[in-house]
Protein backbone atom coordinates (compact mmCIF):
# COMPACT_ATOMS: atom_id res chain seq x y z
CA UNK A 1 27.95 -7.83 -3.11
CA UNK A 2 26.87 -11.17 -2.18
CA UNK A 3 25.61 -13.37 -5.04
CA UNK A 4 24.83 -17.09 -5.03
CA UNK A 5 28.27 -17.80 -6.49
CA UNK A 6 29.95 -15.93 -3.78
CA UNK A 7 28.50 -18.75 -1.26
CA UNK A 8 29.57 -22.56 -1.50
CA UNK A 9 26.90 -25.34 -1.41
CA UNK A 10 27.72 -25.69 2.28
CA UNK A 11 27.41 -21.95 3.49
CA UNK A 12 24.44 -21.67 1.27
CA UNK A 13 22.10 -24.47 2.69
CA UNK A 14 23.20 -23.26 6.21
CA UNK A 15 22.34 -19.84 5.59
CA UNK A 16 19.12 -20.89 3.82
CA UNK A 17 18.26 -23.31 7.04
CA UNK A 18 19.02 -20.58 9.41
CA UNK A 19 16.41 -17.65 7.37
CA UNK A 20 13.47 -20.52 7.13
CA UNK A 21 14.07 -21.30 10.80
CA UNK A 22 14.20 -17.68 11.55
CA UNK A 23 10.96 -17.05 9.84
CA UNK A 24 9.13 -19.96 11.41
CA UNK A 25 10.20 -18.88 14.98
CA UNK A 26 10.96 -15.16 15.16
CA UNK A 27 13.83 -16.31 17.11
CA UNK A 28 17.71 -16.46 16.46
CA UNK A 29 19.35 -19.65 15.50
CA UNK A 30 22.23 -21.67 17.10
CA UNK A 31 24.28 -24.45 15.85
CA UNK A 32 22.40 -27.15 17.92
CA UNK A 33 19.03 -26.32 15.92
CA UNK A 34 20.69 -26.28 13.11
CA UNK A 35 21.85 -30.00 13.60
CA UNK A 36 18.46 -30.92 14.62
CA UNK A 37 17.22 -29.45 11.53
CA UNK A 38 19.70 -31.96 9.79
CA UNK A 39 22.77 -30.17 8.95
CA UNK A 40 25.27 -32.70 8.77
CA UNK A 41 28.45 -30.90 10.14
CA UNK A 42 29.96 -30.74 13.22
CA UNK A 43 28.88 -28.02 15.84
CA UNK A 44 32.31 -26.48 15.51
CA UNK A 45 32.16 -26.49 11.51
CA UNK A 46 28.48 -25.06 11.96
CA UNK A 47 29.80 -21.90 13.89
CA UNK A 48 32.49 -21.20 11.31
CA UNK A 49 30.06 -20.98 8.62
CA UNK A 50 28.15 -18.95 10.38
CA UNK A 51 30.92 -16.65 11.54
CA UNK A 52 31.69 -16.28 7.91
CA UNK A 53 27.99 -15.42 6.98
CA UNK A 54 28.44 -12.81 9.78
CA UNK A 55 31.46 -11.31 8.21
CA UNK A 56 29.88 -11.09 4.81
CA UNK A 57 26.78 -9.02 6.40
CA UNK A 58 24.08 -11.84 6.04
CA UNK A 59 23.54 -12.71 9.78
CA UNK A 60 23.50 -10.53 12.65
CA UNK A 61 24.46 -11.39 16.44
CA UNK A 62 21.54 -9.82 18.23
CA UNK A 63 22.38 -10.90 21.57
CA UNK A 64 25.44 -12.59 23.20
CA UNK A 65 24.15 -15.94 22.92
CA UNK A 66 25.19 -18.11 20.15
CA UNK A 67 22.18 -17.71 18.14
CA UNK A 68 22.14 -15.94 14.81
CA UNK A 69 19.39 -14.27 12.62
CA UNK A 70 19.44 -12.88 8.96
CA UNK A 71 20.57 -9.03 8.79
CA UNK A 72 18.47 -6.69 6.70
CA UNK A 73 20.95 -7.38 3.64
CA UNK A 74 20.44 -11.25 4.41
CA UNK A 75 16.63 -11.21 4.20
CA UNK A 76 17.08 -9.27 1.16
CA UNK A 77 19.43 -11.58 -0.54
CA UNK A 78 17.31 -14.59 0.54
CA UNK A 79 14.37 -13.09 -1.12
CA UNK A 80 15.87 -12.20 -4.11
CA UNK A 81 17.83 -15.35 -4.35
CA UNK A 82 16.95 -18.29 -2.61
CA UNK A 83 13.00 -17.73 -1.68
CA UNK A 84 10.82 -20.17 -3.18
CA UNK A 85 7.16 -18.42 -3.96
CA UNK A 86 4.53 -20.58 -5.07
CA UNK A 87 0.90 -20.31 -5.83
CA UNK A 88 -1.45 -19.26 -2.92
CA UNK A 89 -2.85 -22.19 -1.03
CA UNK A 90 -6.49 -23.45 -1.92
CA UNK A 91 -7.74 -22.78 1.72
CA UNK A 92 -6.22 -18.87 1.71
CA UNK A 93 -7.74 -18.57 -1.96
CA UNK A 94 -11.30 -19.85 -0.68
CA UNK A 95 -11.35 -17.74 2.13
CA UNK A 96 -10.40 -14.48 0.18
CA UNK A 97 -12.91 -15.24 -2.77
CA UNK A 98 -15.86 -16.20 -0.36
CA UNK A 99 -15.05 -12.95 1.98
CA UNK A 100 -14.69 -10.28 -0.93
CA UNK A 101 -17.69 -12.11 -2.87
CA UNK A 102 -20.04 -11.47 0.16
CA UNK A 103 -18.64 -7.83 0.92
CA UNK A 104 -21.44 -6.56 -1.87
CA UNK A 105 -21.18 -4.09 -4.80
CA UNK A 106 -19.89 -0.99 -2.80
CA UNK A 107 -16.14 -0.66 -3.57
CA UNK A 108 -15.65 0.88 0.01
CA UNK A 109 -16.82 -2.25 1.33
CA UNK A 110 -14.80 -4.47 -0.38
CA UNK A 111 -11.97 -2.71 0.50
CA UNK A 112 -12.53 -2.73 3.97
CA UNK A 113 -13.27 -6.55 3.64
CA UNK A 114 -9.92 -7.09 1.84
CA UNK A 115 -8.19 -5.46 4.78
CA UNK A 116 -9.94 -7.50 7.68
CA UNK A 117 -9.41 -10.67 5.63
CA UNK A 118 -5.54 -9.94 5.06
CA UNK A 119 -5.06 -9.25 8.59
CA UNK A 120 -6.78 -12.20 9.89
CA UNK A 121 -5.02 -14.66 7.49
CA UNK A 122 -1.61 -13.30 8.07
CA UNK A 123 -2.10 -12.66 11.64
CA UNK A 124 -0.73 -9.04 10.99
CA UNK A 125 -1.69 -5.39 10.18
CA UNK A 126 -3.04 -4.93 6.60
CA UNK A 127 -3.12 -1.64 4.71
CA UNK A 128 -5.51 -1.00 1.89
CA UNK A 129 -5.24 2.57 -0.26
CA UNK A 130 -8.52 3.32 -1.72
CA UNK A 131 -8.53 3.89 -5.49
CA UNK A 132 -7.93 7.50 -6.90
CA UNK A 133 -11.08 8.79 -8.16
CA UNK A 134 -11.63 8.07 -12.03
CA UNK A 135 -15.26 7.94 -12.18
CA UNK A 136 -17.11 10.18 -14.86
CA UNK A 137 -18.57 13.03 -13.29
CA UNK A 138 -22.36 13.76 -13.17
CA UNK A 139 -22.31 16.94 -11.26
CA UNK A 140 -20.21 19.91 -10.08
CA UNK A 141 -21.40 22.65 -7.33
CA UNK A 142 -20.35 25.51 -5.48
CA UNK A 143 -21.67 26.26 -2.03
CA UNK A 144 -20.43 29.83 -0.35
CA UNK A 145 -19.22 29.14 3.26
CA UNK A 146 -18.04 32.60 3.92
CA UNK A 147 -16.87 36.01 2.42
CA UNK A 148 -13.78 34.47 0.90
CA UNK A 149 -14.60 30.33 0.78
CA UNK A 150 -16.29 28.16 -0.97
CA UNK A 151 -16.98 24.45 -0.63
CA UNK A 152 -16.82 22.52 -4.22
CA UNK A 153 -18.96 19.43 -4.42
CA UNK A 154 -18.15 16.90 -6.99
CA UNK A 155 -20.64 13.88 -7.43
CA UNK A 156 -19.55 10.86 -9.62
CA UNK A 157 -21.92 8.89 -11.78
CA UNK A 158 -21.50 6.03 -9.42
CA UNK A 159 -23.01 8.24 -6.79
CA UNK A 160 -19.73 9.09 -4.73
CA UNK A 161 -19.75 12.47 -3.35
CA UNK A 162 -16.31 14.10 -2.41
CA UNK A 163 -16.02 17.75 -1.31
CA UNK A 164 -13.39 20.49 -1.17
CA UNK A 165 -12.78 23.62 1.09
CA UNK A 166 -11.58 26.45 -1.38
CA UNK A 167 -9.80 29.49 -0.56
CA UNK A 168 -10.88 32.42 -2.57
CA UNK A 169 -8.59 35.31 -3.31
CA UNK A 170 -11.61 37.83 -2.55
CA UNK A 171 -15.38 37.78 -2.17
CA UNK A 172 -17.27 35.55 -5.14
CA UNK A 173 -20.81 36.33 -5.28
CA UNK A 174 -23.94 33.76 -5.49
CA UNK A 175 -24.09 34.53 -9.02
CA UNK A 176 -20.63 33.39 -9.89
CA UNK A 177 -20.83 30.48 -7.76
CA UNK A 178 -24.12 29.41 -10.22
CA UNK A 179 -22.16 30.23 -13.08
CA UNK A 180 -18.86 28.36 -12.43
CA UNK A 181 -20.96 25.28 -11.06
CA UNK A 182 -23.22 25.36 -14.42
CA UNK A 183 -20.28 25.69 -16.66
CA UNK A 184 -18.29 22.95 -15.16
CA UNK A 185 -21.44 20.61 -14.84
CA UNK A 186 -21.88 21.01 -18.35
CA UNK A 187 -18.59 20.18 -19.68
CA UNK A 188 -17.67 17.58 -17.40
CA UNK A 189 -21.08 15.50 -17.19
CA UNK A 190 -20.37 11.86 -18.44
CA UNK A 191 -16.46 12.52 -18.73
CA UNK A 192 -13.63 12.24 -16.28
CA UNK A 193 -11.58 15.02 -15.12
CA UNK A 194 -8.29 14.46 -16.73
CA UNK A 195 -10.35 14.06 -20.22
CA UNK A 196 -12.07 17.56 -19.43
CA UNK A 197 -9.21 19.58 -17.76
CA UNK A 198 -7.21 20.49 -20.98
CA UNK A 199 -9.89 21.57 -22.82
CA UNK A 200 -11.52 23.67 -19.81
CA UNK A 201 -8.36 25.41 -19.42
CA UNK A 202 -7.64 26.03 -23.19
CA UNK A 203 -11.22 27.65 -23.18
CA UNK A 204 -10.68 29.72 -20.28
CA UNK A 205 -7.14 30.82 -21.86
CA UNK A 206 -8.87 31.75 -25.08
CA UNK A 207 -11.71 33.67 -23.13
CA UNK A 208 -14.37 31.80 -25.12
CA UNK A 209 -16.33 30.93 -21.81
CA UNK A 210 -18.84 34.04 -21.60
CA UNK A 211 -17.94 34.21 -17.54
CA UNK A 212 -17.08 37.04 -15.20
CA UNK A 213 -13.72 37.20 -13.86
CA UNK A 214 -14.72 35.90 -10.41
CA UNK A 215 -16.42 32.67 -12.06
CA UNK A 216 -13.51 32.08 -14.13
CA UNK A 217 -11.12 32.24 -11.11
CA UNK A 218 -13.45 30.00 -9.35
CA UNK A 219 -13.37 27.39 -11.97
CA UNK A 220 -9.50 27.69 -12.65
CA UNK A 221 -9.35 26.74 -8.77
CA UNK A 222 -11.97 24.16 -9.05
CA UNK A 223 -10.32 22.09 -11.72
CA UNK A 224 -6.90 22.44 -10.26
CA UNK A 225 -8.11 21.45 -6.83
CA UNK A 226 -9.58 18.25 -8.40
CA UNK A 227 -6.92 17.37 -10.96
CA UNK A 228 -5.04 14.91 -8.99
CA UNK A 229 -2.30 17.38 -8.29
CA UNK A 230 -2.14 16.11 -4.44
CA UNK A 231 -3.55 12.51 -5.19
CA UNK A 232 -3.82 11.75 -1.56
CA UNK A 233 -6.24 14.32 -0.99
CA UNK A 234 -10.00 12.58 -0.69
CA UNK A 235 -8.43 9.02 -0.45
CA UNK A 236 -8.67 6.63 2.54
CA UNK A 237 -6.19 4.48 3.96
CA UNK A 238 -7.71 1.41 5.72
CA UNK A 239 -5.65 -0.19 8.52
CA UNK A 240 -6.63 -3.38 10.26
CA UNK A 241 -4.92 -5.73 12.67
CA UNK A 242 -2.74 -3.18 15.06
CA UNK A 243 -3.75 -5.25 17.83
CA UNK A 244 -2.38 -8.44 16.34
CA UNK A 245 1.04 -7.12 16.05
CA UNK A 246 1.10 -6.89 19.85
CA UNK A 247 -0.03 -10.32 20.54
CA UNK A 248 3.81 -11.73 19.65
CA UNK A 249 5.42 -9.15 21.48
CA UNK A 250 7.33 -10.06 24.65
CA UNK A 251 10.74 -8.04 25.22
CA UNK A 252 10.76 -4.73 25.55
CA UNK A 253 12.55 -4.02 22.31
CA UNK A 254 9.47 -5.61 20.53
CA UNK A 255 7.20 -3.31 21.96
CA UNK A 256 9.31 0.06 21.12
CA UNK A 257 9.63 -1.27 18.10
CA UNK A 258 5.85 -1.75 17.22
CA UNK A 259 4.97 1.65 18.92
CA UNK A 260 7.50 2.98 16.29
CA UNK A 261 5.23 1.06 13.63
CA UNK A 262 2.13 2.59 15.32
CA UNK A 263 3.15 5.89 14.85
CA UNK A 264 4.13 5.45 11.17
CA UNK A 265 0.74 3.61 10.47
CA UNK A 266 -0.84 7.14 11.51
CA UNK A 267 1.13 9.17 9.08
CA UNK A 268 -1.57 8.59 5.77
CA UNK A 269 -0.03 10.73 3.60
CA UNK A 270 3.34 9.19 3.96
CA UNK A 271 1.93 5.68 3.96
CA UNK A 272 -0.05 6.21 0.80
CA UNK A 273 3.26 6.93 -0.83
CA UNK A 274 4.78 3.92 -0.05
CA UNK A 275 1.82 2.13 -1.24
CA UNK A 276 1.68 4.45 -4.65
CA UNK A 277 5.36 3.85 -4.99
CA UNK A 278 4.48 0.35 -6.41
CA UNK A 279 2.56 1.20 -9.33
CA UNK A 280 5.26 0.21 -11.70
CA UNK A 281 5.96 -3.02 -10.06
CA UNK A 282 5.25 -6.48 -11.60
CA UNK A 283 3.53 -8.81 -8.64
CA UNK A 284 4.35 -7.91 -5.19
CA UNK A 285 6.89 -5.56 -3.67
CA UNK A 286 8.72 -6.11 -0.59
CA UNK A 287 9.98 -3.32 1.53
CA UNK A 288 12.41 -4.52 4.40
CA UNK A 289 13.27 -2.29 7.57
CA UNK A 290 15.44 0.82 6.56
CA UNK A 291 14.93 0.25 2.68
CA UNK A 292 12.15 2.55 3.11
CA UNK A 293 12.96 5.53 5.37
CA UNK A 294 9.35 5.48 7.01
CA UNK A 295 10.27 2.04 8.35
CA UNK A 296 13.99 2.75 9.61
CA UNK A 297 13.00 3.27 13.18
CA UNK A 298 10.48 0.03 13.14
CA UNK A 299 12.82 -2.35 11.22
CA UNK A 300 9.15 -3.92 9.86
CA UNK A 301 8.83 -5.45 6.35
CA UNK A 302 5.71 -4.17 4.05
CA UNK A 303 4.51 -6.57 1.34
CA UNK A 304 2.33 -4.78 -0.99
CA UNK A 305 0.57 -5.27 -4.52
CA UNK A 306 -1.07 -2.71 -6.82
CA UNK A 307 -4.55 -3.52 -7.93
CA UNK A 308 -6.18 -2.11 -11.35
CA UNK A 309 -9.44 -0.69 -12.85
CA UNK A 310 -11.20 -1.83 -15.90
CA UNK A 311 -8.55 0.41 -18.32
CA UNK A 312 -5.77 -1.87 -16.69
CA UNK A 313 -4.52 1.36 -15.11
CA UNK A 314 -3.32 0.95 -11.58
CA UNK A 315 -5.40 3.06 -9.22
CA UNK A 316 -5.00 1.75 -5.64
CA UNK A 317 -2.76 -1.06 -3.45
CA UNK A 318 -2.97 -3.24 -0.54
CA UNK A 319 -0.42 -4.87 1.53
CA UNK A 320 0.79 -6.66 4.93
CA UNK A 321 3.11 -4.99 7.36
CA UNK A 322 4.52 -6.66 10.31
CA UNK A 323 8.04 -8.05 11.84
CA UNK A 324 10.87 -8.91 9.47
CA UNK A 325 10.06 -12.81 10.16
CA UNK A 326 6.97 -12.30 8.38
CA UNK A 327 6.14 -15.67 6.28
CA UNK A 328 6.79 -14.25 3.08
CA UNK A 329 6.44 -17.50 1.08
CA UNK A 330 2.61 -17.58 2.11
CA UNK A 331 2.20 -13.73 2.53
CA UNK A 332 3.45 -12.97 -1.09
CA UNK A 333 1.13 -14.76 -2.85
CA UNK A 334 -1.75 -14.07 -0.75
CA UNK A 335 -1.27 -10.39 -1.09
CA UNK A 336 -0.71 -10.36 -5.06
CA UNK A 337 -3.78 -12.70 -5.03
CA UNK A 338 -6.25 -10.22 -3.11
CA UNK A 339 -5.01 -7.18 -5.28
CA UNK A 340 -5.91 -9.01 -8.18
CA UNK A 341 -9.45 -10.27 -6.62
CA UNK A 342 -10.00 -6.37 -5.80
CA UNK A 343 -9.21 -5.16 -9.18
CA UNK A 344 -11.44 -8.17 -10.66
CA UNK A 345 -14.39 -6.32 -8.76
CA UNK A 346 -13.51 -3.09 -9.53
CA UNK A 347 -13.79 -3.83 -12.93
CA UNK A 348 -17.05 -5.76 -12.67
CA UNK A 349 -18.54 -2.71 -10.69
CA UNK A 350 -17.48 -0.26 -13.48
CA UNK A 351 -19.11 -2.30 -15.84
CA UNK A 352 -22.61 -2.54 -14.11
CA UNK A 353 -22.44 1.52 -13.34
CA UNK A 354 -21.61 1.82 -17.35
C-alpha cells in the first residue's frame, strides 16, 4: 500500500503536479507539460519518475502517447493524502444562500433548487435524495380499490400526502376499512410512525383492540408498509444537469462512459442506496470509479454529503457526480455547505410547522 512515506519528495511533487494538472485539464500529462509547470528536472529524469509512479499503480498510461494520468488508486491516494480542501468561496456561498433562500418554504422546492444550483456551479450532474418522512401524522385512511386491494393514505402535519396500494389476503368490507382508519388515526395523530408502531403492534398482539379480524389484519399490514422497512418507497431522487455531462465529451470512449452513467442515474433505488450509505460519514464522502459497483462501468466520481433534521438525525443526502477529473478541492466544500444549508432550512420549516 502506497503511503506518503513511500514516495520521496521528488516523486511526491511530480505526482501532485500531474494530478493537479489532470484535474484542471482532464487530459493526460506529459514531461514537457511538467517542465512548463516548474518541475526543475530534465525530461529524462521526469519520465523515469513517471515510470516509477506507474509501477506503484498511482499513474496510468491511457494511450500510446507519453502522457500519464492518475489511476483510480492514485486519485484515492491524492484525495486522502495530498488534497488541500479549504473553505467554500464567498461567491459560491452567496450563490447557494441566495438561491435556496428564494426557493420558498416548501421542502420540495428547496431540494429542487439545491439540485439546480449544484449542477450549475459544478457544471456537472447533481443528485438530491428527498428526506425520509419523519413528520407527525395527522390522518390515516383506507380506501377500497377492489376485492383484494386498498389504498392507504397518510397525511402528515405538514400537509404532505403519501399513499400505498396494499394487497389484501382476502375480501375486506367497508366497515373494516373505516374501523382501521379510525383506529390508526386515533393512535397516530400528532405522533411519528416510529413512536406509535411498537404500541400499536403490542396492542394488537394482546388483543386489547376491539376490532374484527379483517380490520386487525389491515392495520398490521398498513403499519408494516409505512414503517420504513423499505425506506426508498415514497422518496424522490432529483437529478439535474445530465446534459452538462455531454458538453465536454469528445471521444467515443467519453460518450460510452456517459451512456453508462445515464443508465446508472435511472436506477432510483440503487442511487438512493449509495446516497444513504453516507449517513454515518462526517462531512463529504467521495466515491471514485469502481469503489462503488454502481459506477464500475462509467468510471465516475461522486461527492456526497448528508443533511439532518431538527433532531440532528440524518434524513437525506445530496451530491455531485461526474468524471474522475472533477475539481475536488472546490466541489467538496460546496457539496458539504449545501447539505448544511438544506438541513438548516429543514430545521426552520419543522419549527414553523411545530
